[in-house]
Amino acid sequence: MVILVIPLIFGVIGGFWANAKGLNVALWAIVCGLLPIIGLILLAFQKSTKA
């Protein structure tokens, strides 16, 4: 059960964060769900596309 919950939580966090930066929500939710810590680190270094 925990194996499914942890990626889901990281995916939701990554999706919300990507949305706030104006990035593709679905893509970043999948990346952060599959690679939780690495995905969030990569997302942190992405530039915002919002003006």
PDB file of N, CA and C in Angstrom:
ATOM      1  N   MET A   1       0.823  -1.200   0.000  1.00  0.00           N
ATOM      2  CA  MET A   1       0.000   0.000   0.000  1.00  0.00           C
ATOM      3  C   MET A   1       0.862   1.258   0.000  1.00  0.00           C
ATOM      4  N   VAL A   2       1.896   1.265   0.836  1.00  0.00           N
ATOM      5  CA  VAL A   2       2.781   2.429   0.916  1.00  0.00           C
ATOM      6  C   VAL A   2       3.500   2.641  -0.408  1.00  0.00           C
ATOM      7  N   ILE A   3       3.773   1.532  -1.120  1.00  0.00           N
ATOM      8  CA  ILE A   3       4.467   1.618  -2.402  1.00  0.00           C
ATOM      9  C   ILE A   3       3.639   2.408  -3.413  1.00  0.00           C
ATOM     10  N   LEU A   4       2.339   2.415  -3.286  1.00  0.00           N
ATOM     11  CA  LEU A   4       1.474   3.163  -4.191  1.00  0.00           C
ATOM     12  C   LEU A   4       1.184   4.572  -3.700  1.00  0.00           C
ATOM     13  N   VAL A   5       1.166   4.776  -2.412  1.00  0.00           N
ATOM     14  CA  VAL A   5       0.802   6.074  -1.846  1.00  0.00           C
ATOM     15  C   VAL A   5       1.930   7.091  -2.009  1.00  0.00           C
ATOM     16  N   ILE A   6       3.164   6.687  -1.768  1.00  0.00           N
ATOM     17  CA  ILE A   6       4.300   7.616  -1.849  1.00  0.00           C
ATOM     18  C   ILE A   6       4.432   8.224  -3.250  1.00  0.00           C
ATOM     19  N   PRO A   7       4.451   7.416  -4.339  1.00  0.00           N
ATOM     20  CA  PRO A   7       4.528   8.026  -5.676  1.00  0.00           C
ATOM     21  C   PRO A   7       3.328   8.914  -5.987  1.00  0.00           C
ATOM     22  N   LEU A   8       2.159   8.540  -5.498  1.00  0.00           N
ATOM     23  CA  LEU A   8       0.971   9.354  -5.727  1.00  0.00           C
ATOM     24  C   LEU A   8       1.111  10.723  -5.068  1.00  0.00           C
ATOM     25  N   ILE A   9       1.602  10.747  -3.852  1.00  0.00           N
ATOM     26  CA  ILE A   9       1.798  12.015  -3.135  1.00  0.00           C
ATOM     27  C   ILE A   9       2.814  12.891  -3.861  1.00  0.00           C
ATOM     28  N   PHE A  10       3.948  12.300  -4.250  1.00  0.00           N
ATOM     29  CA  PHE A  10       4.961  13.070  -4.962  1.00  0.00           C
ATOM     30  C   PHE A  10       4.452  13.531  -6.328  1.00  0.00           C
ATOM     31  N   GLY A  11       3.645  12.710  -6.994  1.00  0.00           N
ATOM     32  CA  GLY A  11       3.065  13.100  -8.276  1.00  0.00           C
ATOM     33  C   GLY A  11       2.136  14.292  -8.145  1.00  0.00           C
ATOM     34  N   VAL A  12       1.316  14.294  -7.109  1.00  0.00           N
ATOM     35  CA  VAL A  12       0.395  15.416  -6.878  1.00  0.00           C
ATOM     36  C   VAL A  12       1.175  16.685  -6.540  1.00  0.00           C
ATOM     37  N   ILE A  13       2.176  16.560  -5.689  1.00  0.00           N
ATOM     38  CA  ILE A  13       3.007  17.722  -5.337  1.00  0.00           C
ATOM     39  C   ILE A  13       3.690  18.274  -6.583  1.00  0.00           C
ATOM     40  N   GLY A  14       4.278  17.388  -7.381  1.00  0.00           N
ATOM     41  CA  GLY A  14       4.949  17.815  -8.610  1.00  0.00           C
ATOM     42  C   GLY A  14       3.992  18.456  -9.593  1.00  0.00           C
ATOM     43  N   GLY A  15       2.790  17.916  -9.700  1.00  0.00           N
ATOM     44  CA  GLY A  15       1.792  18.487 -10.601  1.00  0.00           C
ATOM     45  C   GLY A  15       1.364  19.885 -10.189  1.00  0.00           C
ATOM     46  N   PHE A  16       1.108  20.077  -8.901  1.00  0.00           N
ATOM     47  CA  PHE A  16       0.738  21.411  -8.418  1.00  0.00           C
ATOM     48  C   PHE A  16       1.878  22.405  -8.607  1.00  0.00           C
ATOM     49  N   TRP A  17       3.099  21.957  -8.328  1.00  0.00           N
ATOM     50  CA  TRP A  17       4.262  22.837  -8.464  1.00  0.00           C
ATOM     51  C   TRP A  17       4.483  23.198  -9.937  1.00  0.00           C
ATOM     52  N   ALA A  18       4.328  22.226 -10.835  1.00  0.00           N
ATOM     53  CA  ALA A  18       4.471  22.486 -12.268  1.00  0.00           C
ATOM     54  C   ALA A  18       3.393  23.458 -12.740  1.00  0.00           C
ATOM     55  N   ASN A  19       2.187  23.308 -12.245  1.00  0.00           N
ATOM     56  CA  ASN A  19       1.104  24.217 -12.604  1.00  0.00           C
ATOM     57  C   ASN A  19       1.421  25.641 -12.161  1.00  0.00           C
ATOM     58  N   ALA A  20       1.977  25.782 -10.977  1.00  0.00           N
ATOM     59  CA  ALA A  20       2.333  27.107 -10.472  1.00  0.00           C
ATOM     60  C   ALA A  20       3.431  27.745 -11.315  1.00  0.00           C
ATOM     61  N   LYS A  21       4.291  26.922 -11.920  1.00  0.00           N
ATOM     62  CA  LYS A  21       5.373  27.431 -12.761  1.00  0.00           C
ATOM     63  C   LYS A  21       4.953  27.571 -14.221  1.00  0.00           C
ATOM     64  N   GLY A  22       3.746  27.113 -14.561  1.00  0.00           N
ATOM     65  CA  GLY A  22       3.268  27.198 -15.935  1.00  0.00           C
ATOM     66  C   GLY A  22       3.817  26.092 -16.822  1.00  0.00           C
ATOM     67  N   LEU A  23       4.189  24.959 -16.235  1.00  0.00           N
ATOM     68  CA  LEU A  23       4.736  23.834 -16.984  1.00  0.00           C
ATOM     69  C   LEU A  23       3.666  22.763 -17.172  1.00  0.00           C
ATOM     70  N   ASN A  24       3.966  21.751 -17.983  1.00  0.00           N
ATOM     71  CA  ASN A  24       3.041  20.665 -18.273  1.00  0.00           C
ATOM     72  C   ASN A  24       2.775  19.851 -17.007  1.00  0.00           C
ATOM     73  N   VAL A  25       1.556  19.919 -16.516  1.00  0.00           N
ATOM     74  CA  VAL A  25       1.192  19.279 -15.250  1.00  0.00           C
ATOM     75  C   VAL A  25       1.277  17.759 -15.349  1.00  0.00           C
ATOM     76  N   ALA A  26       0.719  17.183 -16.404  1.00  0.00           N
ATOM     77  CA  ALA A  26       0.699  15.721 -16.539  1.00  0.00           C
ATOM     78  C   ALA A  26       2.111  15.159 -16.634  1.00  0.00           C
ATOM     79  N   LEU A  27       2.949  15.785 -17.426  1.00  0.00           N
ATOM     80  CA  LEU A  27       4.327  15.316 -17.583  1.00  0.00           C
ATOM     81  C   LEU A  27       5.068  15.328 -16.254  1.00  0.00           C
ATOM     82  N   TRP A  28       4.987  16.425 -15.540  1.00  0.00           N
ATOM     83  CA  TRP A  28       5.726  16.543 -14.281  1.00  0.00           C
ATOM     84  C   TRP A  28       5.119  15.699 -13.177  1.00  0.00           C
ATOM     85  N   ALA A  29       3.820  15.464 -13.213  1.00  0.00           N
ATOM     86  CA  ALA A  29       3.210  14.561 -12.230  1.00  0.00           C
ATOM     87  C   ALA A  29       3.725  13.137 -12.433  1.00  0.00           C
ATOM     88  N   ILE A  30       3.854  12.719 -13.688  1.00  0.00           N
ATOM     89  CA  ILE A  30       4.378  11.380 -13.982  1.00  0.00           C
ATOM     90  C   ILE A  30       5.845  11.279 -13.597  1.00  0.00           C
ATOM     91  N   VAL A  31       6.646  12.285 -13.967  1.00  0.00           N
ATOM     92  CA  VAL A  31       8.075  12.268 -13.631  1.00  0.00           C
ATOM     93  C   VAL A  31       8.263  12.227 -12.118  1.00  0.00           C
ATOM     94  N   CYS A  32       7.547  13.061 -11.406  1.00  0.00           N
ATOM     95  CA  CYS A  32       7.695  13.106  -9.941  1.00  0.00           C
ATOM     96  C   CYS A  32       7.133  11.854  -9.277  1.00  0.00           C
ATOM     97  N   GLY A  33       6.163  11.205  -9.898  1.00  0.00           N
ATOM     98  CA  GLY A  33       5.639   9.962  -9.354  1.00  0.00           C
ATOM     99  C   GLY A  33       6.594   8.798  -9.558  1.00  0.00           C
ATOM    100  N   LEU A  34       7.263   8.765 -10.715  1.00  0.00           N
ATOM    101  CA  LEU A  34       8.188   7.669 -11.006  1.00  0.00           C
ATOM    102  C   LEU A  34       9.547   7.857 -10.343  1.00  0.00           C
ATOM    103  N   LEU A  35      10.002   9.097 -10.272  1.00  0.00           N
ATOM    104  CA  LEU A  35      11.309   9.420  -9.677  1.00  0.00           C
ATOM    105  C   LEU A  35      11.108  10.503  -8.623  1.00  0.00           C
ATOM    106  N   PRO A  36      10.565  10.166  -7.468  1.00  0.00           N
ATOM    107  CA  PRO A  36      10.107  11.183  -6.512  1.00  0.00           C
ATOM    108  C   PRO A  36      11.117  12.278  -6.166  1.00  0.00           C
ATOM    109  N   ILE A  37      12.226  11.948  -5.584  1.00  0.00           N
ATOM    110  CA  ILE A  37      13.172  12.974  -5.144  1.00  0.00           C
ATOM    111  C   ILE A  37      13.844  13.636  -6.345  1.00  0.00           C
ATOM    112  N   ILE A  38      14.281  12.834  -7.305  1.00  0.00           N
ATOM    113  CA  ILE A  38      14.957  13.370  -8.492  1.00  0.00           C
ATOM    114  C   ILE A  38      14.006  14.256  -9.287  1.00  0.00           C
ATOM    115  N   GLY A  39      12.749  13.837  -9.413  1.00  0.00           N
ATOM    116  CA  GLY A  39      11.765  14.624 -10.150  1.00  0.00           C
ATOM    117  C   GLY A  39      11.542  15.996  -9.539  1.00  0.00           C
ATOM    118  N   LEU A  40      11.442  16.061  -8.225  1.00  0.00           N
ATOM    119  CA  LEU A  40      11.244  17.357  -7.566  1.00  0.00           C
ATOM    120  C   LEU A  40      12.486  18.236  -7.680  1.00  0.00           C
ATOM    121  N   ILE A  41      13.656  17.628  -7.629  1.00  0.00           N
ATOM    122  CA  ILE A  41      14.894  18.406  -7.798  1.00  0.00           C
ATOM    123  C   ILE A  41      14.957  18.975  -9.208  1.00  0.00           C
ATOM    124  N   LEU A  42      14.647  18.157 -10.215  1.00  0.00           N
ATOM    125  CA  LEU A  42      14.639  18.649 -11.597  1.00  0.00           C
ATOM    126  C   LEU A  42      13.611  19.758 -11.779  1.00  0.00           C
ATOM    127  N   LEU A  43      12.452  19.593 -11.185  1.00  0.00           N
ATOM    128  CA  LEU A  43      11.405  20.609 -11.285  1.00  0.00           C
ATOM    129  C   LEU A  43      11.827  21.911 -10.617  1.00  0.00           C
ATOM    130  N   ALA A  44      12.578  21.814  -9.544  1.00  0.00           N
ATOM    131  CA  ALA A  44      13.041  23.014  -8.842  1.00  0.00           C
ATOM    132  C   ALA A  44      13.949  23.866  -9.727  1.00  0.00           C
ATOM    133  N   PHE A  45      14.688  23.217 -10.626  1.00  0.00           N
ATOM    134  CA  PHE A  45      15.617  23.947 -11.479  1.00  0.00           C
ATOM    135  C   PHE A  45      15.009  24.389 -12.808  1.00  0.00           C
ATOM    136  N   GLN A  46      13.757  24.029 -13.068  1.00  0.00           N
ATOM    137  CA  GLN A  46      13.095  24.459 -14.292  1.00  0.00           C
ATOM    138  C   GLN A  46      12.670  25.920 -14.163  1.00  0.00           C
ATOM    139  N   LYS A  47      12.834  26.649 -15.252  1.00  0.00           N
ATOM    140  CA  LYS A  47      12.421  28.051 -15.251  1.00  0.00           C
ATOM    141  C   LYS A  47      10.909  28.148 -15.419  1.00  0.00           C
ATOM    142  N   SER A  48      10.325  29.134 -14.785  1.00  0.00           N
ATOM    143  CA  SER A  48       8.900  29.374 -14.894  1.00  0.00           C
ATOM    144  C   SER A  48       8.585  29.958 -16.265  1.00  0.00           C
ATOM    145  N   THR A  49       7.485  29.510 -16.872  1.00  0.00           N
ATOM    146  CA  THR A  49       7.077  30.060 -18.162  1.00  0.00           C
ATOM    147  C   THR A  49       6.016  31.141 -17.998  1.00  0.00           C
ATOM    148  N   LYS A  50       5.593  31.395 -16.772  1.00  0.00           N
ATOM    149  CA  LYS A  50       4.622  32.461 -16.523  1.00  0.00           C
ATOM    150  C   LYS A  50       5.339  33.804 -16.501  1.00  0.00           C
ATOM    151  N   ALA A  51       4.660  34.794 -17.034  1.00  0.00           N
ATOM    152  CA  ALA A  51       5.267  36.129 -17.091  1.00  0.00           C
ATOM    153  C   ALA A  51       5.099  36.875 -15.793  1.00  0.00           C
TER     154      ALA A  51
END
